[in-house]
Amino acid sequence: MLHTLSQLRSGELAGISQLKLSENLSTFPLEILTLADSLEILDLSNNALSSLPDELAQLTKLKIIFASQNKFEHLPEVLGQLPNLEMVGFKSNQIKQVAEHSLPTQLRWLILTDNLIETLPNSLGERPRLQKLALAGNQLTHLPQTLAQAHNLELVRISANKLTQCPEQLLNLPNLAWFAFAGNPFTAVNSEANAKVKSVPELSSANYTLENVLGQGASGVISKAHWNTPQSQFPEDIAVKVFKGEITSDGYPQDELQACLQVGYHSNLVESLAQVNEENYLALIMTLIPENYQNLGLPPCFNSCTRDTFPQGFSLPITLISNIISQMQDVFAHLHKNQVCHGDLYAHNTLFDAQGNIIFGDFGAATSYQMLTPAQQENVQQIEHRALNHFIDDLLSICAEQDRTSTVFIALKGLIS
């Protein structure tokens, strides 16, 4: 819910725990400090702010701050003084510097996507609760070695940077499960991968007309579409994903397209039929998913941080869960046979029908990794295997109560290693 400055100044918002202001602010409204006894979430996104005052340290109960789409050139040092601050989101600013003391000690979730950052402080690896790190779309040439001690780190996005070497300090982290690293100099794909991509037909956007929007994600919009002339080579029912053509929280759209096409056909993946590569227009033509498929899960929330959520009261019988897991294991094997790390292996990226048949998609965080050394490739597979384990664990958490003592449930629980 969006609030107004006049509401704040009138005292109408006294005692609230969440505040969201977007009024093209160029200076921080000090009236926010009157909420110090209650404020836990502060959202100042979509303004024109370039600094925060030292007085912000008075907001001792603050847990989450968002200031995306502003004019910050450095991450405010005052953030490091907030004792309960866990989540910091400064996406799409012009941040060049992140000072050693700007990172709060309780930091759990840091979003600095789409900035101009070249280096990060050693203190980043000295935040023991750090769990989620989004750094795509910056100018990073290396990462702090101290990240090797970030043992609670589970999700990392470093795509679309200037990293010339694979950051080894991340590869052996014991809990890293979701890793996106495409669009860096060290991930340049080889000719074999390019040949796979080029084997997928290239069409003109004039061949089809978009209809109603089916879904929208960070990297593009998926619409139902129809062919303008009869096609013998392709099915009649199609969907088209038109990429937004900008850096997303996961990386470059071109890398998503590359990984998607490199993976090739699998019965449980959204099937890529053709690609469109035109000036300022990148699209993927896919088979249309039948209407009887629905989302298996919901994305993580503030509290779950990296783990999927599910609608309250939602449960599935163990027979369905077993079928779903078996198919996802097969998808996992197929992805890594084709040397693609999905980076976002989650229930919320999975569709299923009443029989437990699945269709897996969303390659926004996917990375081709055939350029890595054999040891690094093995590390990447281990990282993604943790995501598969979490997927299994999350599904077992919604298993119908009467099935939780079954031999199948126990056997599936035993898969989590």
Protein backbone atom coordinates (compact mmCIF):
# COMPACT_ATOMS: atom_id res chain seq x y z
CA MET A 1 0.00 0.00 0.00
CA LEU A 2 1.33 3.41 -1.02
CA HIS A 3 1.30 6.13 1.63
CA THR A 4 1.60 9.93 1.27
CA LEU A 5 3.75 12.57 2.93
CA SER A 6 0.65 14.44 4.03
CA GLN A 7 -0.58 11.31 5.85
CA LEU A 8 2.80 11.02 7.55
CA ARG A 9 2.87 14.71 8.57
CA SER A 10 -0.67 14.64 9.91
CA GLY A 11 0.17 11.82 12.31
CA GLU A 12 -2.30 9.50 10.58
CA LEU A 13 0.39 6.82 10.15
CA ALA A 14 1.51 6.71 13.80
CA GLY A 15 2.35 3.19 14.95
CA ILE A 16 2.55 1.56 11.49
CA SER A 17 5.16 -1.14 10.83
CA GLN A 18 5.36 -0.68 7.02
CA LEU A 19 5.79 2.59 5.12
CA LYS A 20 5.91 3.08 1.35
CA LEU A 21 6.49 6.55 -0.11
CA SER A 22 6.91 7.42 -3.79
CA GLU A 23 6.54 11.17 -4.44
CA ASN A 24 9.69 11.98 -6.43
CA LEU A 25 11.45 12.75 -3.14
CA SER A 26 14.92 14.26 -3.46
CA THR A 27 15.48 14.53 0.32
CA PHE A 28 14.67 12.06 3.06
CA PRO A 29 11.55 13.16 5.01
CA LEU A 30 12.67 13.40 8.62
CA GLU A 31 9.07 12.86 9.72
CA ILE A 32 9.75 9.15 9.09
CA LEU A 33 11.75 9.19 12.32
CA THR A 34 8.51 9.69 14.30
CA LEU A 35 7.78 6.03 13.45
CA ALA A 36 10.97 4.79 15.15
CA ASP A 37 9.05 2.78 17.77
CA SER A 38 7.17 0.70 15.19
CA LEU A 39 8.69 0.86 11.69
CA GLU A 40 10.05 -2.46 10.38
CA ILE A 41 9.74 -2.11 6.58
CA LEU A 42 10.60 1.12 4.72
CA ASP A 43 10.13 1.34 0.94
CA LEU A 44 11.46 4.50 -0.72
CA SER A 45 11.70 3.05 -4.24
CA ASN A 46 10.95 5.18 -7.32
CA ASN A 47 12.08 8.53 -5.96
CA ALA A 48 15.05 10.84 -6.63
CA LEU A 49 17.05 10.25 -3.45
CA SER A 50 20.85 10.28 -3.47
CA SER A 51 21.57 10.10 0.27
CA LEU A 52 20.12 9.07 3.63
CA PRO A 53 20.68 11.11 6.82
CA ASP A 54 22.67 9.88 9.83
CA GLU A 55 19.43 10.19 11.82
CA LEU A 56 18.20 7.04 10.05
CA ALA A 57 20.11 5.15 12.76
CA GLN A 58 17.20 6.05 15.08
CA LEU A 59 15.04 3.46 13.28
CA THR A 60 16.31 0.65 15.49
CA LYS A 61 13.41 -1.70 14.68
CA LEU A 62 13.90 -1.46 10.91
CA LYS A 63 14.33 -4.90 9.31
CA ILE A 64 13.87 -4.16 5.59
CA ILE A 65 14.72 -1.13 3.44
CA PHE A 66 14.04 -0.73 -0.28
CA ALA A 67 15.35 2.22 -2.28
CA SER A 68 15.35 0.93 -5.85
CA GLN A 69 15.06 3.31 -8.82
CA ASN A 70 16.69 6.30 -7.08
CA LYS A 71 19.92 8.27 -7.63
CA PHE A 72 22.30 6.81 -5.05
CA GLU A 73 25.96 6.70 -6.11
CA HIS A 74 27.09 4.90 -2.97
CA LEU A 75 25.40 2.60 -0.50
CA PRO A 76 24.66 4.80 2.54
CA GLU A 77 27.02 4.03 5.43
CA VAL A 78 24.28 4.69 7.97
CA LEU A 79 22.72 1.34 6.99
CA GLY A 80 25.57 -0.39 8.81
CA GLN A 81 24.41 1.21 12.08
CA LEU A 82 20.94 -0.32 12.04
CA PRO A 83 20.98 -3.21 14.54
CA ASN A 84 18.06 -5.22 13.15
CA LEU A 85 18.36 -4.50 9.42
CA GLU A 86 18.26 -7.81 7.51
CA MET A 87 17.25 -6.91 3.96
CA VAL A 88 18.75 -4.13 1.83
CA GLY A 89 17.42 -3.49 -1.68
CA PHE A 90 19.04 -0.73 -3.78
CA LYS A 91 18.37 -2.05 -7.28
CA SER A 92 18.72 0.22 -10.36
CA ASN A 93 20.58 3.17 -8.90
CA GLN A 94 24.01 4.46 -9.98
CA ILE A 95 25.92 2.94 -7.09
CA LYS A 96 29.66 2.75 -7.67
CA GLN A 97 30.87 2.32 -4.10
CA VAL A 98 29.90 0.01 -1.27
CA ALA A 99 31.80 1.07 1.83
CA GLU A 100 33.19 -1.45 4.33
CA HIS A 101 30.85 -0.25 7.10
CA SER A 102 27.67 0.17 5.04
CA LEU A 103 26.57 -3.45 5.46
CA PRO A 104 24.50 -4.14 8.62
CA THR A 105 25.71 -6.90 10.92
CA GLN A 106 22.40 -8.82 10.66
CA LEU A 107 22.40 -8.70 6.84
CA ARG A 108 20.52 -11.64 5.35
CA TRP A 109 19.44 -10.44 1.90
CA LEU A 110 21.31 -7.91 -0.27
CA ILE A 111 19.98 -6.66 -3.63
CA LEU A 112 22.33 -4.40 -5.62
CA THR A 113 21.23 -5.47 -9.12
CA ASP A 114 21.70 -3.05 -12.04
CA ASN A 115 24.23 -0.58 -10.64
CA LEU A 116 27.82 0.39 -11.48
CA ILE A 117 29.71 -1.46 -8.74
CA GLU A 118 33.30 -2.49 -9.56
CA THR A 119 34.39 -3.86 -6.18
CA LEU A 120 32.74 -5.01 -2.98
CA PRO A 121 34.12 -4.76 0.58
CA ASN A 122 35.58 -7.67 2.52
CA SER A 123 32.88 -7.12 5.13
CA LEU A 124 30.40 -8.78 2.72
CA GLY A 125 31.82 -12.20 3.58
CA GLU A 126 31.84 -11.31 7.27
CA ARG A 127 28.06 -11.21 7.61
CA PRO A 128 27.29 -14.70 8.98
CA ARG A 129 23.53 -14.54 8.30
CA LEU A 130 23.96 -13.65 4.60
CA GLN A 131 21.63 -15.93 2.65
CA LYS A 132 20.69 -14.18 -0.60
CA LEU A 133 22.97 -12.03 -2.76
CA ALA A 134 21.77 -10.33 -5.97
CA LEU A 135 24.56 -8.56 -7.89
CA ALA A 136 23.61 -9.03 -11.56
CA GLY A 137 24.19 -6.15 -13.95
CA ASN A 138 27.19 -4.41 -12.38
CA GLN A 139 30.85 -3.86 -13.34
CA LEU A 140 32.39 -6.41 -10.98
CA THR A 141 35.76 -7.81 -12.06
CA HIS A 142 36.22 -9.94 -8.92
CA LEU A 143 34.47 -10.83 -5.67
CA PRO A 144 35.85 -10.60 -2.11
CA GLN A 145 37.76 -13.71 -1.04
CA THR A 146 35.97 -13.45 2.31
CA LEU A 147 32.83 -14.82 0.63
CA ALA A 148 34.45 -18.24 1.12
CA GLN A 149 33.29 -17.98 4.75
CA ALA A 150 29.67 -17.04 3.91
CA HIS A 151 28.49 -20.50 4.94
CA ASN A 152 24.79 -19.61 5.05
CA LEU A 153 24.73 -18.19 1.53
CA GLU A 154 22.08 -20.05 -0.50
CA LEU A 155 21.28 -17.92 -3.56
CA VAL A 156 23.74 -15.86 -5.66
CA ARG A 157 23.15 -13.82 -8.81
CA ILE A 158 26.38 -12.53 -10.42
CA SER A 159 25.32 -12.58 -14.09
CA ALA A 160 26.04 -9.68 -16.46
CA ASN A 161 29.24 -8.48 -14.81
CA LYS A 162 32.92 -8.35 -15.90
CA LEU A 163 34.24 -11.37 -14.05
CA THR A 164 37.13 -12.90 -16.01
CA GLN A 165 37.42 -16.00 -13.80
CA CYS A 166 34.90 -18.25 -12.13
CA PRO A 167 34.79 -17.15 -8.45
CA GLU A 168 36.17 -20.28 -6.77
CA GLN A 169 35.32 -18.92 -3.30
CA LEU A 170 31.64 -19.54 -4.07
CA LEU A 171 31.91 -23.03 -5.54
CA ASN A 172 32.56 -24.87 -2.27
CA LEU A 173 30.05 -23.02 -0.09
CA PRO A 174 28.15 -25.71 1.82
CA ASN A 175 24.65 -24.28 1.34
CA LEU A 176 24.76 -22.58 -2.06
CA ALA A 177 21.85 -23.99 -4.10
CA TRP A 178 20.75 -21.35 -6.65
CA PHE A 179 23.58 -19.86 -8.71
CA ALA A 180 23.32 -17.61 -11.80
CA PHE A 181 26.59 -16.51 -13.44
CA ALA A 182 25.98 -16.08 -17.21
CA GLY A 183 27.01 -12.98 -19.16
CA ASN A 184 30.55 -12.68 -17.79
CA PRO A 185 33.78 -12.87 -19.82
CA PHE A 186 34.58 -16.26 -18.24
CA THR A 187 31.28 -17.73 -19.49
CA ALA A 188 31.77 -17.15 -23.22
CA VAL A 189 30.19 -20.18 -24.91
CA ASN A 190 32.04 -22.47 -27.29
CA SER A 191 31.22 -23.35 -30.90
CA GLU A 192 29.49 -26.63 -29.97
CA ALA A 193 26.97 -24.77 -27.77
CA ASN A 194 26.48 -22.13 -30.46
CA ALA A 195 25.78 -24.84 -33.04
CA LYS A 196 22.97 -26.20 -30.84
CA VAL A 197 21.42 -22.75 -30.61
CA LYS A 198 21.72 -22.14 -34.34
CA SER A 199 20.00 -25.45 -35.05
CA VAL A 200 16.77 -23.95 -33.66
CA PRO A 201 14.92 -22.24 -36.54
CA GLU A 202 14.97 -18.46 -36.75
CA LEU A 203 11.74 -16.77 -37.80
CA SER A 204 10.43 -13.27 -38.36
CA SER A 205 8.03 -11.66 -35.89
CA ALA A 206 5.78 -11.06 -38.90
CA ASN A 207 4.94 -14.79 -38.85
CA TYR A 208 2.66 -14.50 -35.82
CA THR A 209 0.32 -12.17 -33.96
CA LEU A 210 0.31 -11.90 -30.17
CA GLU A 211 -2.97 -12.40 -28.32
CA ASN A 212 -3.68 -12.31 -24.56
CA VAL A 213 -0.89 -12.18 -21.98
CA LEU A 214 -0.40 -15.51 -20.18
CA GLY A 215 2.31 -14.48 -17.74
CA GLN A 216 5.02 -11.97 -17.01
CA GLY A 217 8.40 -12.42 -15.35
CA ALA A 218 11.58 -10.46 -14.72
CA SER A 219 12.88 -11.06 -18.24
CA GLY A 220 9.83 -10.86 -20.47
CA VAL A 221 6.16 -11.25 -21.26
CA ILE A 222 4.60 -14.54 -22.42
CA SER A 223 1.52 -14.27 -24.63
CA LYS A 224 -0.69 -16.67 -26.48
CA ALA A 225 -0.19 -16.21 -30.24
CA HIS A 226 -1.44 -17.45 -33.57
CA TRP A 227 0.32 -18.02 -36.88
CA ASN A 228 -0.52 -15.51 -39.60
CA THR A 229 -0.23 -18.21 -42.25
CA PRO A 230 -0.63 -22.01 -41.87
CA GLN A 231 2.55 -23.72 -40.63
CA SER A 232 3.35 -27.34 -41.44
CA GLN A 233 6.60 -27.38 -39.43
CA PHE A 234 5.12 -26.24 -36.09
CA PRO A 235 2.07 -26.98 -33.92
CA GLU A 236 -0.92 -24.69 -34.31
CA ASP A 237 -1.14 -23.66 -30.62
CA ILE A 238 1.82 -21.49 -29.63
CA ALA A 239 3.00 -19.05 -26.99
CA VAL A 240 5.63 -16.34 -27.52
CA LYS A 241 7.97 -14.93 -24.90
CA VAL A 242 9.08 -11.43 -25.86
CA PHE A 243 12.17 -10.47 -23.87
CA LYS A 244 12.31 -7.05 -22.27
CA GLY A 245 15.77 -6.42 -23.68
CA GLU A 246 17.32 -5.13 -20.48
CA ILE A 247 19.28 -6.51 -17.54
CA THR A 248 17.00 -8.36 -15.15
CA SER A 249 17.59 -9.59 -11.61
CA ASP A 250 18.99 -12.76 -13.22
CA GLY A 251 21.06 -11.35 -16.11
CA TYR A 252 20.85 -10.72 -19.87
CA PRO A 253 17.83 -11.99 -21.89
CA GLN A 254 20.25 -13.21 -24.59
CA ASP A 255 21.82 -15.63 -22.08
CA GLU A 256 18.39 -16.95 -21.12
CA LEU A 257 17.63 -17.62 -24.78
CA GLN A 258 21.04 -19.29 -25.25
CA ALA A 259 20.57 -21.66 -22.30
CA CYS A 260 16.97 -22.41 -23.20
CA LEU A 261 17.91 -23.47 -26.72
CA GLN A 262 21.08 -25.29 -25.68
CA VAL A 263 19.09 -27.61 -23.39
CA GLY A 264 17.05 -28.96 -26.30
CA TYR A 265 13.92 -31.08 -26.12
CA HIS A 266 12.65 -32.85 -23.02
CA SER A 267 9.04 -33.89 -22.45
CA ASN A 268 8.91 -32.08 -19.08
CA LEU A 269 10.40 -28.79 -20.32
CA VAL A 270 8.56 -25.98 -22.09
CA GLU A 271 9.39 -26.80 -25.73
CA SER A 272 11.25 -24.15 -27.73
CA LEU A 273 10.09 -24.19 -31.36
CA ALA A 274 11.86 -21.18 -32.89
CA GLN A 275 13.67 -17.96 -32.08
CA VAL A 276 13.28 -14.38 -33.27
CA ASN A 277 16.41 -12.21 -33.42
CA GLU A 278 15.54 -8.78 -34.76
CA GLU A 279 16.81 -5.32 -33.93
CA ASN A 280 15.50 -4.41 -30.46
CA TYR A 281 13.29 -7.50 -30.50
CA LEU A 282 14.23 -10.87 -29.05
CA ALA A 283 11.60 -13.61 -28.71
CA LEU A 284 11.16 -17.32 -28.17
CA ILE A 285 8.29 -19.23 -29.80
CA MET A 286 7.12 -22.13 -27.63
CA THR A 287 4.40 -24.75 -27.53
CA LEU A 288 1.31 -23.57 -25.69
CA ILE A 289 0.93 -25.18 -22.27
CA PRO A 290 -2.54 -26.76 -21.81
CA GLU A 291 -4.91 -24.80 -19.57
CA ASN A 292 -5.27 -27.66 -17.07
CA TYR A 293 -1.72 -27.03 -15.76
CA GLN A 294 -1.27 -24.86 -12.67
CA ASN A 295 1.61 -23.51 -10.57
CA LEU A 296 3.08 -26.01 -8.15
CA GLY A 297 4.35 -23.41 -5.67
CA LEU A 298 4.65 -19.72 -4.84
CA PRO A 299 7.90 -17.70 -4.74
CA PRO A 300 9.81 -17.18 -1.48
CA CYS A 301 8.57 -14.48 0.91
CA PHE A 302 10.54 -12.13 3.20
CA ASN A 303 10.60 -14.72 5.97
CA SER A 304 11.42 -17.81 3.90
CA CYS A 305 14.07 -15.79 1.97
CA THR A 306 15.21 -18.55 -0.41
CA ARG A 307 12.58 -21.25 0.06
CA ASP A 308 9.33 -21.65 -1.82
CA THR A 309 5.99 -21.02 -0.19
CA PHE A 310 2.62 -22.69 -0.78
CA PRO A 311 -1.01 -21.59 -0.37
CA GLN A 312 -2.31 -22.15 3.14
CA GLY A 313 -3.88 -25.58 3.47
CA PHE A 314 -2.45 -26.83 0.15
CA SER A 315 -1.41 -30.49 0.19
CA LEU A 316 -0.74 -33.30 -2.27
CA PRO A 317 -0.93 -37.11 -1.97
CA ILE A 318 2.39 -38.92 -1.85
CA THR A 319 1.65 -40.71 -5.16
CA LEU A 320 1.51 -37.35 -6.95
CA ILE A 321 4.59 -36.03 -5.14
CA SER A 322 6.55 -39.14 -6.05
CA ASN A 323 5.59 -38.76 -9.72
CA ILE A 324 6.57 -35.07 -9.72
CA ILE A 325 9.95 -35.74 -8.07
CA SER A 326 10.76 -38.57 -10.50
CA GLN A 327 10.16 -36.26 -13.47
CA MET A 328 12.22 -33.44 -11.94
CA GLN A 329 15.11 -35.83 -11.36
CA ASP A 330 14.96 -36.70 -15.06
CA VAL A 331 14.86 -33.00 -16.01
CA PHE A 332 17.88 -32.38 -13.75
CA ALA A 333 19.85 -35.15 -15.49
CA HIS A 334 18.90 -33.75 -18.91
CA LEU A 335 19.95 -30.18 -18.00
CA HIS A 336 23.38 -31.27 -16.79
CA LYS A 337 23.91 -33.69 -19.65
CA ASN A 338 23.63 -30.55 -21.81
CA GLN A 339 25.87 -28.58 -19.41
CA VAL A 340 23.26 -26.04 -18.36
CA CYS A 341 22.79 -24.94 -14.77
CA HIS A 342 19.17 -23.80 -14.36
CA GLY A 343 19.90 -21.60 -11.34
CA ASP A 344 16.23 -21.37 -10.34
CA LEU A 345 15.11 -24.95 -9.70
CA TYR A 346 11.96 -24.24 -7.71
CA ALA A 347 8.38 -25.42 -7.38
CA HIS A 348 7.19 -21.93 -8.35
CA ASN A 349 8.81 -22.43 -11.77
CA THR A 350 7.01 -25.75 -12.20
CA LEU A 351 3.53 -26.38 -13.60
CA PHE A 352 1.59 -29.59 -12.89
CA ASP A 353 -1.71 -31.24 -13.80
CA ALA A 354 -4.11 -33.46 -11.87
CA GLN A 355 -2.06 -36.59 -12.65
CA GLY A 356 1.19 -35.01 -11.44
CA ASN A 357 2.67 -34.48 -14.92
CA ILE A 358 5.01 -31.48 -14.83
CA ILE A 359 6.29 -28.79 -17.18
CA PHE A 360 9.36 -26.92 -15.97
CA GLY A 361 10.44 -23.55 -17.32
CA ASP A 362 11.82 -20.05 -16.62
CA PHE A 363 15.44 -20.09 -17.77
CA GLY A 364 16.11 -16.49 -16.67
CA ALA A 365 18.88 -17.55 -14.29
CA ALA A 366 20.25 -20.38 -16.43
CA THR A 367 23.93 -20.58 -17.39
CA SER A 368 25.80 -22.70 -19.95
CA TYR A 369 28.85 -24.01 -18.13
CA GLN A 370 30.77 -26.10 -20.66
CA MET A 371 33.66 -23.59 -20.53
CA LEU A 372 34.47 -24.44 -16.89
CA THR A 373 37.10 -26.97 -15.78
CA PRO A 374 35.87 -30.51 -14.96
CA ALA A 375 36.27 -29.79 -11.22
CA GLN A 376 34.29 -26.55 -11.50
CA GLN A 377 31.58 -28.31 -13.51
CA GLU A 378 31.27 -30.89 -10.76
CA ASN A 379 30.92 -28.08 -8.19
CA VAL A 380 28.14 -26.47 -10.24
CA GLN A 381 26.29 -29.79 -10.44
CA GLN A 382 26.61 -30.20 -6.65
CA ILE A 383 25.20 -26.68 -6.16
CA GLU A 384 22.21 -27.44 -8.37
CA HIS A 385 21.75 -30.81 -6.66
CA ARG A 386 21.13 -28.92 -3.40
CA ALA A 387 18.33 -27.03 -5.15
CA LEU A 388 16.86 -30.39 -6.19
CA ASN A 389 17.08 -31.55 -2.57
CA HIS A 390 15.23 -28.42 -1.42
CA PHE A 391 12.61 -29.02 -4.11
CA ILE A 392 12.04 -32.54 -2.75
CA ASP A 393 11.99 -31.29 0.85
CA ASP A 394 9.50 -28.52 0.01
CA LEU A 395 7.15 -30.99 -1.69
CA LEU A 396 7.33 -33.40 1.25
CA SER A 397 6.39 -30.47 3.52
CA ILE A 398 2.99 -30.29 1.75
CA CYS A 399 2.42 -34.05 1.72
CA ALA A 400 -1.03 -35.13 2.91
CA GLU A 401 -0.92 -35.98 6.63
CA GLN A 402 -2.09 -39.59 6.19
CA ASP A 403 0.81 -40.31 3.77
CA ARG A 404 3.65 -39.11 6.02
CA THR A 405 4.33 -42.55 7.47
CA SER A 406 4.24 -44.36 4.10
CA THR A 407 7.26 -46.21 2.76
CA VAL A 408 7.28 -43.92 -0.31
CA PHE A 409 7.48 -40.80 1.89
CA ILE A 410 10.34 -42.30 3.89
CA ALA A 411 12.15 -43.35 0.69
CA LEU A 412 11.80 -39.85 -0.81
CA LYS A 413 13.02 -38.28 2.43
CA GLY A 414 16.06 -40.53 2.10
CA LEU A 415 16.91 -38.93 -1.28
CA ILE A 416 17.79 -35.67 0.47
CA SER A 417 21.52 -35.85 1.04
